[in-house]
Amino acid sequence: MMGSVGTPVIAVEGGTVEALGWNQYGGWRIGIRSHDSKRYYYYAHLRKDFPYNKSLQVGSVVQPGDVIGYLGRTGYSLKENVNNIRQSHLHIGLQLIFDESQKECNSEIWIDIYPIIQLINRNKSEVIKNVETKEYSRVYNIREIGE
């Protein structure tokens, strides 16, 4: 997903932060597992120096529409916090997990998330910037199915 550095990245679905930090290929990245553990969302190439919401840590629970990070161009470096990508963008992936043995193996199931993103974009959550903290947050709460 192409965009400008610093564009807020919104959680597609609620879940628990499973991965947060530097990855030599994805740069600053966030991995979120859905509440039912059947889907894993991967958000990569986040912004240098201020990649994600300061309140996030592994184990944090996020809701759909939460601002989780900021688009950037980090990655492809063994050295942490490096802009090695020419065009700023968000690398976003969705992995289906029917069994935990599928999480990190040769039979992983990744799907094309672009049609889902188009649907979400038509119904996106409005965000506002806190000028003191420079963090973005969503304006309206989103009710998840089952609440």
Protein backbone atom coordinates (compact mmCIF):
# COMPACT_ATOMS: atom_id res chain seq x y z
CA MET A 1 0.00 0.00 0.00
CA MET A 2 1.67 3.19 -1.17
CA GLY A 3 1.54 6.32 0.95
CA SER A 4 3.43 9.13 2.61
CA VAL A 5 5.83 8.65 5.51
CA GLY A 6 3.92 9.12 8.75
CA THR A 7 0.49 8.13 7.44
CA PRO A 8 -1.34 6.41 10.33
CA VAL A 9 -1.61 2.62 10.00
CA ILE A 10 -4.93 1.26 11.25
CA ALA A 11 -5.57 -2.21 12.71
CA VAL A 12 -7.64 -4.19 10.21
CA GLU A 13 -9.04 -6.43 12.94
CA GLY A 14 -8.85 -6.56 16.70
CA GLY A 15 -6.43 -8.92 18.37
CA THR A 16 -3.25 -9.27 20.38
CA VAL A 17 0.14 -7.88 19.42
CA GLU A 18 2.32 -10.95 18.86
CA ALA A 19 5.38 -9.34 17.25
CA LEU A 20 6.71 -5.83 17.63
CA GLY A 21 10.12 -4.49 16.73
CA TRP A 22 12.84 -4.70 14.12
CA ASN A 23 13.10 -7.34 11.42
CA GLN A 24 15.94 -7.16 8.89
CA TYR A 25 13.55 -7.55 5.94
CA GLY A 26 10.38 -5.85 7.17
CA GLY A 27 12.09 -3.10 9.14
CA TRP A 28 9.94 -1.86 11.99
CA ARG A 29 6.95 -4.17 12.02
CA ILE A 30 3.91 -5.25 13.99
CA GLY A 31 2.26 -8.68 14.01
CA ILE A 32 -1.27 -8.97 15.39
CA ARG A 33 -3.14 -12.25 15.97
CA SER A 34 -6.94 -12.11 15.80
CA HIS A 35 -8.91 -12.77 18.99
CA ASP A 36 -9.88 -16.25 17.75
CA SER A 37 -6.20 -16.96 16.76
CA LYS A 38 -7.17 -17.89 13.18
CA ARG A 39 -5.68 -14.84 11.45
CA TYR A 40 -2.30 -13.12 11.72
CA TYR A 41 -1.81 -9.61 10.33
CA TYR A 42 1.67 -8.41 9.42
CA TYR A 43 2.34 -4.68 9.04
CA ALA A 44 5.90 -3.83 7.88
CA HIS A 45 8.25 -1.05 6.73
CA LEU A 46 7.00 1.36 9.38
CA ARG A 47 8.47 4.81 10.01
CA LYS A 48 12.02 5.36 11.25
CA ASP A 49 12.35 6.71 14.82
CA PHE A 50 8.58 6.61 15.57
CA PRO A 51 7.25 3.39 13.99
CA TYR A 52 4.26 2.54 16.16
CA ASN A 53 1.95 3.78 18.86
CA LYS A 54 4.01 4.33 22.01
CA SER A 55 1.55 2.41 24.16
CA LEU A 56 1.96 -0.86 22.19
CA GLN A 57 3.99 -3.79 23.39
CA VAL A 58 3.90 -7.54 22.83
CA GLY A 59 0.68 -8.72 24.49
CA SER A 60 -1.22 -5.45 23.96
CA VAL A 61 -4.82 -5.86 22.83
CA VAL A 62 -5.95 -3.69 19.92
CA GLN A 63 -9.38 -3.04 18.49
CA PRO A 64 -10.26 -2.72 14.81
CA GLY A 65 -9.64 0.86 13.72
CA ASP A 66 -6.96 1.55 16.33
CA VAL A 67 -3.94 3.50 15.09
CA ILE A 68 -1.12 1.01 15.59
CA GLY A 69 1.75 2.54 13.64
CA TYR A 70 2.99 4.92 11.00
CA LEU A 71 3.87 4.20 7.38
CA GLY A 72 7.54 4.43 6.46
CA ARG A 73 10.35 2.90 4.45
CA THR A 74 12.48 0.92 6.89
CA GLY A 75 13.92 -2.53 6.31
CA TYR A 76 16.35 -4.62 4.30
CA SER A 77 19.15 -4.02 6.77
CA LEU A 78 20.83 -5.93 9.59
CA LYS A 79 21.29 -2.55 11.28
CA GLU A 80 18.20 -1.40 13.18
CA ASN A 81 16.23 1.76 12.32
CA VAL A 82 17.46 2.15 8.72
CA ASN A 83 15.58 3.60 5.73
CA ASN A 84 16.69 1.29 2.91
CA ILE A 85 13.53 1.41 0.82
CA ARG A 86 13.17 4.15 -1.79
CA GLN A 87 9.38 4.36 -1.89
CA SER A 88 7.44 4.66 1.36
CA HIS A 89 4.76 2.02 1.65
CA LEU A 90 3.04 -0.39 3.99
CA HIS A 91 3.67 -4.07 3.46
CA ILE A 92 0.58 -5.73 4.88
CA GLY A 93 -0.11 -9.44 4.95
CA LEU A 94 -2.83 -11.74 6.22
CA GLN A 95 -1.99 -15.30 7.19
CA LEU A 96 -4.74 -17.86 7.82
CA ILE A 97 -3.92 -20.26 10.65
CA PHE A 98 -6.05 -23.37 11.01
CA ASP A 99 -3.49 -25.16 13.16
CA GLU A 100 -0.54 -23.75 15.13
CA SER A 101 1.84 -25.95 13.13
CA GLN A 102 1.08 -23.66 10.15
CA LYS A 103 2.41 -20.53 11.88
CA GLU A 104 6.05 -20.69 10.73
CA CYS A 105 6.57 -23.46 8.20
CA ASN A 106 6.55 -24.31 4.51
CA SER A 107 2.76 -24.70 4.42
CA GLU A 108 1.81 -21.19 5.54
CA ILE A 109 -1.35 -19.76 3.96
CA TRP A 110 -1.10 -16.07 3.04
CA ILE A 111 -3.97 -14.43 1.17
CA ASP A 112 -4.32 -11.31 -0.98
CA ILE A 113 -5.59 -8.70 1.46
CA TYR A 114 -6.06 -5.91 -1.10
CA PRO A 115 -9.83 -6.51 -1.64
CA ILE A 116 -10.34 -6.46 2.14
CA ILE A 117 -8.41 -3.19 2.41
CA GLN A 118 -10.58 -1.66 -0.33
CA LEU A 119 -13.71 -2.61 1.65
CA ILE A 120 -12.27 -1.23 4.88
CA ASN A 121 -11.19 1.97 3.16
CA ARG A 122 -14.80 2.66 2.19
CA ASN A 123 -15.79 2.29 5.86
CA LYS A 124 -12.66 3.59 7.57
CA SER A 125 -12.42 5.08 11.00
CA GLU A 126 -11.69 8.80 11.26
CA VAL A 127 -8.47 9.61 13.12
CA ILE A 128 -7.21 12.75 14.86
CA LYS A 129 -3.74 13.84 15.93
CA ASN A 130 -2.86 14.79 19.51
CA VAL A 131 -0.53 17.76 19.02
CA GLU A 132 1.21 17.19 22.37
CA THR A 133 2.07 13.50 21.96
CA LYS A 134 2.03 13.53 18.13
CA GLU A 135 0.04 10.27 18.31
CA TYR A 136 -3.03 9.62 16.20
CA SER A 137 -6.13 7.88 17.56
CA ARG A 138 -9.50 6.96 16.16
CA VAL A 139 -12.45 9.24 16.76
CA TYR A 140 -15.20 6.63 17.14
CA ASN A 141 -15.25 3.31 18.97
CA ILE A 142 -15.86 0.27 16.82
CA ARG A 143 -18.00 -2.58 18.10
CA GLU A 144 -16.65 -6.00 17.24
CA ILE A 145 -18.89 -8.92 16.37
CA GLY A 146 -19.77 -10.80 19.54
CA GLU A 147 -19.65 -7.78 21.86
